[in-house]
Every structure is written in C-alpha cells, then in structure tokens.
Amino acid sequence: MMTKLNCVEMKHQGAEKVREKISGLTIAEELRFWQERSVALRKQKERIAEKYTVTATA
C-alpha cells in the first residue's frame, strides 16, 4: 500500500522535534547545539559526496 507523503507536515514535525530539543536551553547551549549540528551535517555531506564521487582511470 502506498502512502501519500505530506512534505509540509514532515517539515512541521521536524521543526517540533527541534523545538523540543532546544526548549529550556540557554542561549550559549542553543548556540553550541546548532554548531554541533552544523558540523555533523557537513560531515554527512562529505561522506555522501565521497560515496558518489567517480574517479577517472587512465
């Protein structure tokens, strides 16, 4: 059975999860949270890029 994806609802659910994670954090803690998430995202993007990089052979 195929389900219909609701991208807007998925976005709202993701935003709610983030709000739950950062609620109650101080400004410094929230800043650290976003810095850590940014680093994790960069690493993930690098791993994906390496996985799909094609190298030429002579």
C-alpha atoms as a PDB file:
ATOM      1  CA  MET A   1       0.000   0.000   0.000  1.00  0.00           C
ATOM      2  CA  MET A   2       1.373   3.352  -0.976  1.00  0.00           C
ATOM      3  CA  THR A   3       1.035   6.273   1.387  1.00  0.00           C
ATOM      4  CA  LYS A   4       0.890   9.857   0.287  1.00  0.00           C
ATOM      5  CA  LEU A   5       3.799  11.960   1.537  1.00  0.00           C
ATOM      6  CA  ASN A   6       2.920  15.276   3.060  1.00  0.00           C
ATOM      7  CA  CYS A   7       6.122  17.290   2.892  1.00  0.00           C
ATOM      8  CA  VAL A   8       4.702  20.253   4.785  1.00  0.00           C
ATOM      9  CA  GLU A   9       3.580  18.014   7.644  1.00  0.00           C
ATOM     10  CA  MET A  10       7.004  16.315   7.698  1.00  0.00           C
ATOM     11  CA  LYS A  11       8.669  19.736   7.906  1.00  0.00           C
ATOM     12  CA  HIS A  12       6.397  20.759  10.784  1.00  0.00           C
ATOM     13  CA  GLN A  13       7.123  17.515  12.645  1.00  0.00           C
ATOM     14  CA  GLY A  14      10.867  18.048  12.227  1.00  0.00           C
ATOM     15  CA  ALA A  15      10.592  21.617  13.473  1.00  0.00           C
ATOM     16  CA  GLU A  16       8.641  20.425  16.509  1.00  0.00           C
ATOM     17  CA  LYS A  17      11.374  17.898  17.346  1.00  0.00           C
ATOM     18  CA  VAL A  18      13.985  20.651  17.180  1.00  0.00           C
ATOM     19  CA  ARG A  19      11.858  22.918  19.392  1.00  0.00           C
ATOM     20  CA  GLU A  20      11.608  20.093  21.943  1.00  0.00           C
ATOM     21  CA  LYS A  21      15.370  19.559  21.898  1.00  0.00           C
ATOM     22  CA  ILE A  22      16.264  23.215  22.370  1.00  0.00           C
ATOM     23  CA  SER A  23      13.480  24.239  24.744  1.00  0.00           C
ATOM     24  CA  GLY A  24      14.920  25.208  28.069  1.00  0.00           C
ATOM     25  CA  LEU A  25      18.446  25.680  26.737  1.00  0.00           C
ATOM     26  CA  THR A  26      20.337  28.844  27.471  1.00  0.00           C
ATOM     27  CA  ILE A  27      21.471  30.988  24.557  1.00  0.00           C
ATOM     28  CA  ALA A  28      25.000  29.557  24.906  1.00  0.00           C
ATOM     29  CA  GLU A  29      23.684  25.979  24.964  1.00  0.00           C
ATOM     30  CA  GLU A  30      21.479  26.600  21.939  1.00  0.00           C
ATOM     31  CA  LEU A  31      24.424  28.104  20.061  1.00  0.00           C
ATOM     32  CA  ARG A  32      26.519  25.032  20.880  1.00  0.00           C
ATOM     33  CA  PHE A  33      23.627  22.785  19.745  1.00  0.00           C
ATOM     34  CA  TRP A  34      23.487  24.487  16.336  1.00  0.00           C
ATOM     35  CA  GLN A  35      27.272  24.495  15.953  1.00  0.00           C
ATOM     36  CA  GLU A  36      27.409  20.750  16.656  1.00  0.00           C
ATOM     37  CA  ARG A  37      24.530  20.036  14.269  1.00  0.00           C
ATOM     38  CA  SER A  38      26.243  22.107  11.565  1.00  0.00           C
ATOM     39  CA  VAL A  39      29.453  20.112  11.961  1.00  0.00           C
ATOM     40  CA  ALA A  40      27.523  16.840  11.827  1.00  0.00           C
ATOM     41  CA  LEU A  41      25.712  17.950   8.659  1.00  0.00           C
ATOM     42  CA  ARG A  42      28.983  18.929   6.951  1.00  0.00           C
ATOM     43  CA  LYS A  43      30.491  15.533   7.783  1.00  0.00           C
ATOM     44  CA  GLN A  44      27.423  13.734   6.478  1.00  0.00           C
ATOM     45  CA  LYS A  45      27.537  15.724   3.232  1.00  0.00           C
ATOM     46  CA  GLU A  46      31.236  14.872   2.830  1.00  0.00           C
ATOM     47  CA  ARG A  47      30.559  11.148   3.341  1.00  0.00           C
ATOM     48  CA  ILE A  48      27.784  11.228   0.756  1.00  0.00           C
ATOM     49  CA  ALA A  49      29.956  13.139  -1.701  1.00  0.00           C
ATOM     50  CA  GLU A  50      32.790  10.625  -1.265  1.00  0.00           C
ATOM     51  CA  LYS A  51      30.384   7.734  -1.786  1.00  0.00           C
ATOM     52  CA  TYR A  52      29.174   9.113  -5.100  1.00  0.00           C
ATOM     53  CA  THR A  53      32.429  10.585  -6.401  1.00  0.00           C
ATOM     54  CA  VAL A  54      33.571   8.974  -9.618  1.00  0.00           C
ATOM     55  CA  THR A  55      37.281   8.827 -10.259  1.00  0.00           C
ATOM     56  CA  ALA A  56      38.686   8.560 -13.759  1.00  0.00           C
ATOM     57  CA  THR A  57      41.227   5.883 -14.559  1.00  0.00           C
ATOM     58  CA  ALA A  58      43.646   6.036 -17.410  1.00  0.00           C
END
